[in-house]
């Protein structure tokens, strides 16, 4: 098994996004998690304002969080990222 849980190409290409950005209390948070949270919050704000940029930001959110879920082995959650479209 490799550093990314044996998931191969797609996850390996996004390696820098999966590196720890911050560590608090012994728990590290990757750049993908931070950017996923930020794009999610921004998407909600854009939906409320009915702005067209909601869609591309929402797609980025789905990709980032899907990557995080795949990396940690949450395959059902990763599948839900594909099945349920951005808001």
C-alpha atoms as a PDB file:
ATOM      1  CA  UNK A   1       0.000   0.000   0.000  1.00  0.00           C
ATOM      2  CA  UNK A   2       1.294   3.464  -0.874  1.00  0.00           C
ATOM      3  CA  UNK A   3       1.059   6.759   1.027  1.00  0.00           C
ATOM      4  CA  UNK A   4      -2.462   7.365  -0.277  1.00  0.00           C
ATOM      5  CA  UNK A   5      -4.063   4.128   0.882  1.00  0.00           C
ATOM      6  CA  UNK A   6      -3.374   2.286  -2.388  1.00  0.00           C
ATOM      7  CA  UNK A   7      -5.846   4.377  -4.393  1.00  0.00           C
ATOM      8  CA  UNK A   8      -3.606   4.966  -7.385  1.00  0.00           C
ATOM      9  CA  UNK A   9      -3.484   7.688 -10.015  1.00  0.00           C
ATOM     10  CA  UNK A  10      -6.139  10.289  -9.259  1.00  0.00           C
ATOM     11  CA  UNK A  11      -5.294  10.517  -5.593  1.00  0.00           C
ATOM     12  CA  UNK A  12      -1.557  10.372  -6.266  1.00  0.00           C
ATOM     13  CA  UNK A  13      -1.809  13.341  -8.677  1.00  0.00           C
ATOM     14  CA  UNK A  14      -3.414  15.437  -5.951  1.00  0.00           C
ATOM     15  CA  UNK A  15      -0.675  14.641  -3.444  1.00  0.00           C
ATOM     16  CA  UNK A  16       0.095  18.233  -2.503  1.00  0.00           C
ATOM     17  CA  UNK A  17      -3.568  18.825  -1.643  1.00  0.00           C
ATOM     18  CA  UNK A  18      -3.411  15.896   0.744  1.00  0.00           C
ATOM     19  CA  UNK A  19      -0.373  17.127   2.650  1.00  0.00           C
ATOM     20  CA  UNK A  20      -1.052  18.508   6.138  1.00  0.00           C
ATOM     21  CA  UNK A  21      -1.825  22.217   6.184  1.00  0.00           C
ATOM     22  CA  UNK A  22      -2.207  22.600   9.950  1.00  0.00           C
ATOM     23  CA  UNK A  23      -2.000  20.367  12.985  1.00  0.00           C
ATOM     24  CA  UNK A  24      -4.036  21.104  16.092  1.00  0.00           C
ATOM     25  CA  UNK A  25      -4.079  18.825  19.119  1.00  0.00           C
ATOM     26  CA  UNK A  26      -2.144  16.152  17.253  1.00  0.00           C
ATOM     27  CA  UNK A  27      -4.706  15.970  14.418  1.00  0.00           C
ATOM     28  CA  UNK A  28      -3.585  17.168  11.000  1.00  0.00           C
ATOM     29  CA  UNK A  29      -5.869  18.776   8.450  1.00  0.00           C
ATOM     30  CA  UNK A  30      -5.014  18.630   4.758  1.00  0.00           C
ATOM     31  CA  UNK A  31      -5.211  21.451   2.261  1.00  0.00           C
ATOM     32  CA  UNK A  32      -8.033  19.593   0.504  1.00  0.00           C
ATOM     33  CA  UNK A  33     -10.068  19.561   3.726  1.00  0.00           C
ATOM     34  CA  UNK A  34      -9.502  23.275   4.334  1.00  0.00           C
ATOM     35  CA  UNK A  35     -10.283  24.208   0.736  1.00  0.00           C
ATOM     36  CA  UNK A  36     -13.296  21.864   0.770  1.00  0.00           C
ATOM     37  CA  UNK A  37     -14.661  23.628   3.835  1.00  0.00           C
ATOM     38  CA  UNK A  38     -13.980  27.079   2.368  1.00  0.00           C
ATOM     39  CA  UNK A  39     -15.581  26.271  -0.996  1.00  0.00           C
ATOM     40  CA  UNK A  40     -18.573  24.729   0.795  1.00  0.00           C
ATOM     41  CA  UNK A  41     -19.142  27.841   2.877  1.00  0.00           C
ATOM     42  CA  UNK A  42     -18.678  30.040  -0.188  1.00  0.00           C
ATOM     43  CA  UNK A  43     -21.153  27.908  -2.150  1.00  0.00           C
ATOM     44  CA  UNK A  44     -23.822  28.339   0.524  1.00  0.00           C
ATOM     45  CA  UNK A  45     -23.264  32.098   0.536  1.00  0.00           C
ATOM     46  CA  UNK A  46     -23.480  32.216  -3.277  1.00  0.00           C
ATOM     47  CA  UNK A  47     -26.691  30.145  -3.281  1.00  0.00           C
ATOM     48  CA  UNK A  48     -28.321  32.551  -0.862  1.00  0.00           C
ATOM     49  CA  UNK A  49     -27.339  35.439  -3.115  1.00  0.00           C
ATOM     50  CA  UNK A  50     -28.450  33.442  -6.215  1.00  0.00           C
ATOM     51  CA  UNK A  51     -25.123  34.033  -7.938  1.00  0.00           C
ATOM     52  CA  UNK A  52     -24.107  31.999 -11.002  1.00  0.00           C
ATOM     53  CA  UNK A  53     -20.601  31.316  -9.586  1.00  0.00           C
ATOM     54  CA  UNK A  54     -22.290  28.914  -7.191  1.00  0.00           C
ATOM     55  CA  UNK A  55     -21.954  26.127  -9.768  1.00  0.00           C
ATOM     56  CA  UNK A  56     -18.193  26.145 -10.504  1.00  0.00           C
ATOM     57  CA  UNK A  57     -17.352  26.705  -6.819  1.00  0.00           C
ATOM     58  CA  UNK A  58     -19.763  23.889  -5.928  1.00  0.00           C
ATOM     59  CA  UNK A  59     -18.088  21.547  -8.404  1.00  0.00           C
ATOM     60  CA  UNK A  60     -14.686  22.351  -6.883  1.00  0.00           C
ATOM     61  CA  UNK A  61     -16.181  21.585  -3.457  1.00  0.00           C
ATOM     62  CA  UNK A  62     -17.468  18.192  -4.627  1.00  0.00           C
ATOM     63  CA  UNK A  63     -14.093  17.278  -6.145  1.00  0.00           C
ATOM     64  CA  UNK A  64     -12.085  18.347  -3.090  1.00  0.00           C
ATOM     65  CA  UNK A  65     -14.278  16.575  -0.546  1.00  0.00           C
ATOM     66  CA  UNK A  66     -14.589  13.499  -2.775  1.00  0.00           C
ATOM     67  CA  UNK A  67     -10.804  13.318  -2.826  1.00  0.00           C
ATOM     68  CA  UNK A  68     -10.652  13.587   0.967  1.00  0.00           C
ATOM     69  CA  UNK A  69     -13.282  10.856   1.393  1.00  0.00           C
ATOM     70  CA  UNK A  70     -11.486   8.521  -1.037  1.00  0.00           C
ATOM     71  CA  UNK A  71      -8.174   9.039   0.708  1.00  0.00           C
ATOM     72  CA  UNK A  72      -9.483   8.080   4.142  1.00  0.00           C
ATOM     73  CA  UNK A  73     -11.519   5.140   2.840  1.00  0.00           C
ATOM     74  CA  UNK A  74     -15.019   6.624   3.110  1.00  0.00           C
ATOM     75  CA  UNK A  75     -16.104   5.172  -0.220  1.00  0.00           C
ATOM     76  CA  UNK A  76     -19.869   5.613   0.299  1.00  0.00           C
ATOM     77  CA  UNK A  77     -19.390   9.293   1.118  1.00  0.00           C
ATOM     78  CA  UNK A  78     -17.148   9.678  -1.937  1.00  0.00           C
ATOM     79  CA  UNK A  79     -19.865   8.061  -4.078  1.00  0.00           C
ATOM     80  CA  UNK A  80     -22.439  10.483  -2.680  1.00  0.00           C
ATOM     81  CA  UNK A  81     -20.242  13.346  -3.872  1.00  0.00           C
ATOM     82  CA  UNK A  82     -20.705  12.016  -7.402  1.00  0.00           C
ATOM     83  CA  UNK A  83     -24.412  11.176  -7.107  1.00  0.00           C
ATOM     84  CA  UNK A  84     -25.646  14.359  -5.452  1.00  0.00           C
ATOM     85  CA  UNK A  85     -24.966  17.487  -7.541  1.00  0.00           C
ATOM     86  CA  UNK A  86     -23.844  20.790  -6.027  1.00  0.00           C
ATOM     87  CA  UNK A  87     -26.626  22.929  -4.591  1.00  0.00           C
END
